[in-house]
């Protein structure tokens, strides 16, 4: 299905809101890059679904680290199911002499 520029912009805005929510409520300081990558690569419907699951679990009194691990696990499971690799490939820096 083709999407126009306006539709694409709306999708990006919604993804941005979900990412902001993830970073504010589910990030332990170590998952920011992973959450950014996941939200960018996964389809919007998948991101919405994961956010909904996390929202339903929000009442659980989990430590910050456990919340981040849970969010990352749900995103990774969806990525695996869809054959999407959520591994950030960084360039190797030049060695200093």
C-alpha atoms as a PDB file:
ATOM      1  CA  UNK A   1       0.000   0.000   0.000  1.00  0.00           C
ATOM      2  CA  UNK A   2       1.448   3.345  -1.042  1.00  0.00           C
ATOM      3  CA  UNK A   3       1.692   6.080   1.538  1.00  0.00           C
ATOM      4  CA  UNK A   4       1.926   9.752   0.722  1.00  0.00           C
ATOM      5  CA  UNK A   5       4.246  12.220   2.378  1.00  0.00           C
ATOM      6  CA  UNK A   6       1.572  13.322   4.837  1.00  0.00           C
ATOM      7  CA  UNK A   7       0.811   9.750   5.888  1.00  0.00           C
ATOM      8  CA  UNK A   8       4.496   9.001   6.320  1.00  0.00           C
ATOM      9  CA  UNK A   9       4.957  12.124   8.416  1.00  0.00           C
ATOM     10  CA  UNK A  10       2.016  11.135  10.632  1.00  0.00           C
ATOM     11  CA  UNK A  11       3.513   7.669  11.087  1.00  0.00           C
ATOM     12  CA  UNK A  12       6.857   9.164  12.088  1.00  0.00           C
ATOM     13  CA  UNK A  13       5.175  11.498  14.574  1.00  0.00           C
ATOM     14  CA  UNK A  14       3.363   8.594  16.206  1.00  0.00           C
ATOM     15  CA  UNK A  15       6.555   6.538  16.351  1.00  0.00           C
ATOM     16  CA  UNK A  16       8.313   9.519  17.926  1.00  0.00           C
ATOM     17  CA  UNK A  17       5.648   9.762  20.639  1.00  0.00           C
ATOM     18  CA  UNK A  18       5.937   6.060  21.402  1.00  0.00           C
ATOM     19  CA  UNK A  19       9.734   6.295  21.487  1.00  0.00           C
ATOM     20  CA  UNK A  20       9.558   9.239  23.885  1.00  0.00           C
ATOM     21  CA  UNK A  21       7.201   7.235  26.112  1.00  0.00           C
ATOM     22  CA  UNK A  22       9.566   4.248  26.043  1.00  0.00           C
ATOM     23  CA  UNK A  23      12.530   6.415  26.962  1.00  0.00           C
ATOM     24  CA  UNK A  24      10.684   8.172  29.781  1.00  0.00           C
ATOM     25  CA  UNK A  25       9.072   5.120  31.373  1.00  0.00           C
ATOM     26  CA  UNK A  26      11.004   2.009  30.315  1.00  0.00           C
ATOM     27  CA  UNK A  27      14.629   3.066  29.794  1.00  0.00           C
ATOM     28  CA  UNK A  28      17.257   2.259  32.394  1.00  0.00           C
ATOM     29  CA  UNK A  29      19.934   4.378  30.750  1.00  0.00           C
ATOM     30  CA  UNK A  30      21.355   1.470  28.775  1.00  0.00           C
ATOM     31  CA  UNK A  31      18.622   0.761  26.229  1.00  0.00           C
ATOM     32  CA  UNK A  32      18.196   4.122  24.481  1.00  0.00           C
ATOM     33  CA  UNK A  33      19.967   3.049  21.286  1.00  0.00           C
ATOM     34  CA  UNK A  34      18.094  -0.245  21.177  1.00  0.00           C
ATOM     35  CA  UNK A  35      14.712   1.448  21.622  1.00  0.00           C
ATOM     36  CA  UNK A  36      15.530   3.993  18.890  1.00  0.00           C
ATOM     37  CA  UNK A  37      16.572   1.249  16.492  1.00  0.00           C
ATOM     38  CA  UNK A  38      13.539  -0.913  17.263  1.00  0.00           C
ATOM     39  CA  UNK A  39      11.019   1.900  16.837  1.00  0.00           C
ATOM     40  CA  UNK A  40      12.620   2.928  13.547  1.00  0.00           C
ATOM     41  CA  UNK A  41      12.838  -0.548  12.023  1.00  0.00           C
ATOM     42  CA  UNK A  42       9.653  -2.198  13.254  1.00  0.00           C
ATOM     43  CA  UNK A  43       6.315  -1.432  11.583  1.00  0.00           C
ATOM     44  CA  UNK A  44       4.092   1.048  13.404  1.00  0.00           C
ATOM     45  CA  UNK A  45       1.449  -1.589  14.161  1.00  0.00           C
ATOM     46  CA  UNK A  46       4.068  -3.736  15.877  1.00  0.00           C
ATOM     47  CA  UNK A  47       5.377  -0.811  17.911  1.00  0.00           C
ATOM     48  CA  UNK A  48       1.806   0.048  18.936  1.00  0.00           C
ATOM     49  CA  UNK A  49       1.178  -3.550  19.958  1.00  0.00           C
ATOM     50  CA  UNK A  50       4.299  -3.728  22.116  1.00  0.00           C
ATOM     51  CA  UNK A  51       3.496  -0.345  23.684  1.00  0.00           C
ATOM     52  CA  UNK A  52       0.004  -1.621  24.513  1.00  0.00           C
ATOM     53  CA  UNK A  53       1.404  -4.723  26.197  1.00  0.00           C
ATOM     54  CA  UNK A  54       3.833  -2.605  28.194  1.00  0.00           C
ATOM     55  CA  UNK A  55       1.087  -0.177  29.183  1.00  0.00           C
ATOM     56  CA  UNK A  56      -0.972  -3.059  30.576  1.00  0.00           C
ATOM     57  CA  UNK A  57       2.082  -4.168  32.575  1.00  0.00           C
ATOM     58  CA  UNK A  58       2.827  -0.645  33.822  1.00  0.00           C
ATOM     59  CA  UNK A  59       0.962  -1.291  37.064  1.00  0.00           C
ATOM     60  CA  UNK A  60       3.501  -3.889  38.108  1.00  0.00           C
ATOM     61  CA  UNK A  61       6.012  -2.492  40.544  1.00  0.00           C
ATOM     62  CA  UNK A  62       9.201  -3.568  38.788  1.00  0.00           C
ATOM     63  CA  UNK A  63      12.658  -2.078  39.261  1.00  0.00           C
ATOM     64  CA  UNK A  64      13.811   0.219  36.453  1.00  0.00           C
ATOM     65  CA  UNK A  65      16.284  -2.348  35.113  1.00  0.00           C
ATOM     66  CA  UNK A  66      13.625  -5.077  34.973  1.00  0.00           C
ATOM     67  CA  UNK A  67      11.221  -2.775  33.140  1.00  0.00           C
ATOM     68  CA  UNK A  68      13.870  -1.980  30.521  1.00  0.00           C
ATOM     69  CA  UNK A  69      14.706  -5.654  30.068  1.00  0.00           C
ATOM     70  CA  UNK A  70      11.008  -6.505  29.653  1.00  0.00           C
ATOM     71  CA  UNK A  71      10.475  -3.787  27.042  1.00  0.00           C
ATOM     72  CA  UNK A  72      13.592  -4.821  25.132  1.00  0.00           C
ATOM     73  CA  UNK A  73      12.556  -8.487  25.240  1.00  0.00           C
ATOM     74  CA  UNK A  74       9.117  -7.743  23.777  1.00  0.00           C
ATOM     75  CA  UNK A  75      10.598  -5.609  20.999  1.00  0.00           C
ATOM     76  CA  UNK A  76      13.262  -8.218  20.239  1.00  0.00           C
ATOM     77  CA  UNK A  77      10.696 -11.026  20.124  1.00  0.00           C
ATOM     78  CA  UNK A  78       8.599  -9.106  17.604  1.00  0.00           C
ATOM     79  CA  UNK A  79      11.673  -8.295  15.524  1.00  0.00           C
ATOM     80  CA  UNK A  80      12.730 -11.952  15.522  1.00  0.00           C
ATOM     81  CA  UNK A  81       9.220 -13.028  14.539  1.00  0.00           C
ATOM     82  CA  UNK A  82       9.336 -10.638  11.572  1.00  0.00           C
ATOM     83  CA  UNK A  83      12.922 -11.435  10.586  1.00  0.00           C
ATOM     84  CA  UNK A  84      14.221  -7.974  11.482  1.00  0.00           C
ATOM     85  CA  UNK A  85      17.736  -7.670  12.904  1.00  0.00           C
ATOM     86  CA  UNK A  86      17.949  -5.145  15.744  1.00  0.00           C
ATOM     87  CA  UNK A  87      21.711  -5.107  15.958  1.00  0.00           C
ATOM     88  CA  UNK A  88      23.454  -1.780  15.621  1.00  0.00           C
ATOM     89  CA  UNK A  89      26.479  -2.071  13.377  1.00  0.00           C
ATOM     90  CA  UNK A  90      29.025   0.534  14.345  1.00  0.00           C
ATOM     91  CA  UNK A  91      32.045   1.488  12.317  1.00  0.00           C
ATOM     92  CA  UNK A  92      35.329   0.448  13.813  1.00  0.00           C
ATOM     93  CA  UNK A  93      37.354   3.473  14.843  1.00  0.00           C
ATOM     94  CA  UNK A  94      40.821   4.050  13.476  1.00  0.00           C
ATOM     95  CA  UNK A  95      43.589   2.806  15.704  1.00  0.00           C
ATOM     96  CA  UNK A  96      45.782   5.488  17.187  1.00  0.00           C
ATOM     97  CA  UNK A  97      49.526   4.971  17.095  1.00  0.00           C
END
